[in-house]
Amino acid sequence: MTTNYSGPARLILVDGACISGMASLSTNQRGGLNGWGGTFRPDEITADLRNAAQGLQLELPYDRVGTVAVTGMRKLLATQVLVSLQGHGPAPF
């Protein structure tokens, strides 16, 4: 069974800084492996975001929060990036 979430989210960095944007997430439960992940498109790109890797939180509406790690980042346009995330623990959606 797969569960999806697509909508507003905030990435909370290790220092507590918050970056708003849009997330597209899904669970993947196959072969006895449970996990979740997806992508995050930030509203703004900061140096802190570019250096972010581990120990991050992704906050969804209604105070639902999950722990994530950045697994990749690629440019979409000159002013936009798409951040790949891997969730740890229970999915917040």
C-alpha atoms as a PDB file:
ATOM      1  CA  MET A   1       0.000   0.000   0.000  1.00  0.00           C
ATOM      2  CA  THR A   2       1.291   3.455  -0.881  1.00  0.00           C
ATOM      3  CA  THR A   3       0.286   6.704   0.784  1.00  0.00           C
ATOM      4  CA  ASN A   4       1.004  10.093  -0.767  1.00  0.00           C
ATOM      5  CA  TYR A   5       1.162  13.728   0.311  1.00  0.00           C
ATOM      6  CA  SER A   6       1.572  16.718  -1.970  1.00  0.00           C
ATOM      7  CA  GLY A   7       1.316  20.248  -0.615  1.00  0.00           C
ATOM      8  CA  PRO A   8       2.860  22.921   1.594  1.00  0.00           C
ATOM      9  CA  ALA A   9       5.674  22.033   3.983  1.00  0.00           C
ATOM     10  CA  ARG A  10       8.506  23.599   5.968  1.00  0.00           C
ATOM     11  CA  LEU A  11      12.004  22.178   6.124  1.00  0.00           C
ATOM     12  CA  ILE A  12      13.489  22.797   9.567  1.00  0.00           C
ATOM     13  CA  LEU A  13      17.284  22.925   9.520  1.00  0.00           C
ATOM     14  CA  VAL A  14      19.568  21.785  12.347  1.00  0.00           C
ATOM     15  CA  ASP A  15      19.984  25.386  13.584  1.00  0.00           C
ATOM     16  CA  GLY A  16      16.184  25.817  13.749  1.00  0.00           C
ATOM     17  CA  ALA A  17      15.885  27.925  10.588  1.00  0.00           C
ATOM     18  CA  CYS A  18      12.722  27.181   8.598  1.00  0.00           C
ATOM     19  CA  ILE A  19      12.402  27.123   4.830  1.00  0.00           C
ATOM     20  CA  SER A  20       8.902  27.053   3.349  1.00  0.00           C
ATOM     21  CA  GLY A  21       8.072  25.264   0.143  1.00  0.00           C
ATOM     22  CA  MET A  22       6.104  22.456  -1.473  1.00  0.00           C
ATOM     23  CA  ALA A  23       6.626  18.751  -0.772  1.00  0.00           C
ATOM     24  CA  SER A  24       5.702  15.688  -2.766  1.00  0.00           C
ATOM     25  CA  LEU A  25       6.033  12.590  -0.575  1.00  0.00           C
ATOM     26  CA  SER A  26       5.091   8.932  -0.640  1.00  0.00           C
ATOM     27  CA  THR A  27       5.543   5.784   1.395  1.00  0.00           C
ATOM     28  CA  ASN A  28       7.060   2.691  -0.101  1.00  0.00           C
ATOM     29  CA  GLN A  29       6.185  -0.600   1.489  1.00  0.00           C
ATOM     30  CA  ARG A  30       7.580  -3.447  -0.546  1.00  0.00           C
ATOM     31  CA  GLY A  31       9.281  -6.678   0.379  1.00  0.00           C
ATOM     32  CA  GLY A  32       8.853  -6.038   4.086  1.00  0.00           C
ATOM     33  CA  LEU A  33      10.667  -2.696   3.874  1.00  0.00           C
ATOM     34  CA  ASN A  34       8.826   0.338   5.161  1.00  0.00           C
ATOM     35  CA  GLY A  35      10.027   3.792   4.315  1.00  0.00           C
ATOM     36  CA  TRP A  36       9.078   7.127   2.916  1.00  0.00           C
ATOM     37  CA  GLY A  37      10.615   9.980   0.996  1.00  0.00           C
ATOM     38  CA  GLY A  38      10.117  12.343  -1.882  1.00  0.00           C
ATOM     39  CA  THR A  39      11.012  15.845  -2.960  1.00  0.00           C
ATOM     40  CA  PHE A  40      10.873  19.361  -1.562  1.00  0.00           C
ATOM     41  CA  ARG A  41      10.829  22.535  -3.692  1.00  0.00           C
ATOM     42  CA  PRO A  42      11.853  25.461  -1.451  1.00  0.00           C
ATOM     43  CA  ASP A  43      10.420  28.948  -1.909  1.00  0.00           C
ATOM     44  CA  GLU A  44      13.940  30.343  -1.483  1.00  0.00           C
ATOM     45  CA  ILE A  45      17.454  28.945  -1.788  1.00  0.00           C
ATOM     46  CA  THR A  46      19.883  29.703   1.043  1.00  0.00           C
ATOM     47  CA  ALA A  47      23.481  28.711   1.736  1.00  0.00           C
ATOM     48  CA  ASP A  48      22.230  26.788   4.782  1.00  0.00           C
ATOM     49  CA  LEU A  49      19.883  24.786   2.568  1.00  0.00           C
ATOM     50  CA  ARG A  50      22.687  23.985   0.128  1.00  0.00           C
ATOM     51  CA  ASN A  51      24.773  22.625   3.021  1.00  0.00           C
ATOM     52  CA  ALA A  52      21.932  20.732   4.728  1.00  0.00           C
ATOM     53  CA  ALA A  53      22.218  16.956   4.901  1.00  0.00           C
ATOM     54  CA  GLN A  54      21.265  15.126   8.119  1.00  0.00           C
ATOM     55  CA  GLY A  55      19.159  15.778  11.212  1.00  0.00           C
ATOM     56  CA  LEU A  56      16.455  17.803   9.448  1.00  0.00           C
ATOM     57  CA  GLN A  57      12.740  17.918  10.166  1.00  0.00           C
ATOM     58  CA  LEU A  58       9.945  18.271   7.628  1.00  0.00           C
ATOM     59  CA  GLU A  59       6.828  19.922   9.037  1.00  0.00           C
ATOM     60  CA  LEU A  60       3.503  19.403   7.287  1.00  0.00           C
ATOM     61  CA  PRO A  61       0.213  21.169   8.081  1.00  0.00           C
ATOM     62  CA  TYR A  62      -1.426  20.449  11.458  1.00  0.00           C
ATOM     63  CA  ASP A  63       1.973  20.168  13.213  1.00  0.00           C
ATOM     64  CA  ARG A  64       2.833  16.802  11.680  1.00  0.00           C
ATOM     65  CA  VAL A  65       6.621  16.417  11.643  1.00  0.00           C
ATOM     66  CA  GLY A  66       8.994  13.792  10.262  1.00  0.00           C
ATOM     67  CA  THR A  67      12.776  13.384  10.312  1.00  0.00           C
ATOM     68  CA  VAL A  68      14.468  13.574   6.909  1.00  0.00           C
ATOM     69  CA  ALA A  69      17.897  13.558   5.282  1.00  0.00           C
ATOM     70  CA  VAL A  70      18.807  15.279   2.015  1.00  0.00           C
ATOM     71  CA  THR A  71      19.888  12.692  -0.556  1.00  0.00           C
ATOM     72  CA  GLY A  72      20.279  15.038  -3.512  1.00  0.00           C
ATOM     73  CA  MET A  73      19.654  18.462  -4.943  1.00  0.00           C
ATOM     74  CA  ARG A  74      19.237  19.561  -8.546  1.00  0.00           C
ATOM     75  CA  LYS A  75      18.477  22.799 -10.327  1.00  0.00           C
ATOM     76  CA  LEU A  76      15.070  23.154 -11.954  1.00  0.00           C
ATOM     77  CA  LEU A  77      15.402  26.730 -13.146  1.00  0.00           C
ATOM     78  CA  ALA A  78      17.879  29.519 -12.482  1.00  0.00           C
ATOM     79  CA  THR A  79      16.079  30.352  -9.239  1.00  0.00           C
ATOM     80  CA  GLN A  80      14.647  26.959  -8.198  1.00  0.00           C
ATOM     81  CA  VAL A  81      16.022  23.681  -6.883  1.00  0.00           C
ATOM     82  CA  LEU A  82      14.434  20.326  -6.169  1.00  0.00           C
ATOM     83  CA  VAL A  83      15.653  18.624  -2.983  1.00  0.00           C
ATOM     84  CA  SER A  84      15.404  14.829  -2.706  1.00  0.00           C
ATOM     85  CA  LEU A  85      14.524  13.616   0.797  1.00  0.00           C
ATOM     86  CA  GLN A  86      14.658  10.254   2.556  1.00  0.00           C
ATOM     87  CA  GLY A  87      12.433   9.962   5.604  1.00  0.00           C
ATOM     88  CA  HIS A  88      13.374   8.232   8.856  1.00  0.00           C
ATOM     89  CA  GLY A  89      10.847   6.817  11.269  1.00  0.00           C
ATOM     90  CA  PRO A  90       7.083   7.082  10.849  1.00  0.00           C
ATOM     91  CA  ALA A  91       5.734   9.096   7.921  1.00  0.00           C
ATOM     92  CA  PRO A  92       4.025  12.353   8.994  1.00  0.00           C
ATOM     93  CA  PHE A  93       1.202  11.928   6.462  1.00  0.00           C
END
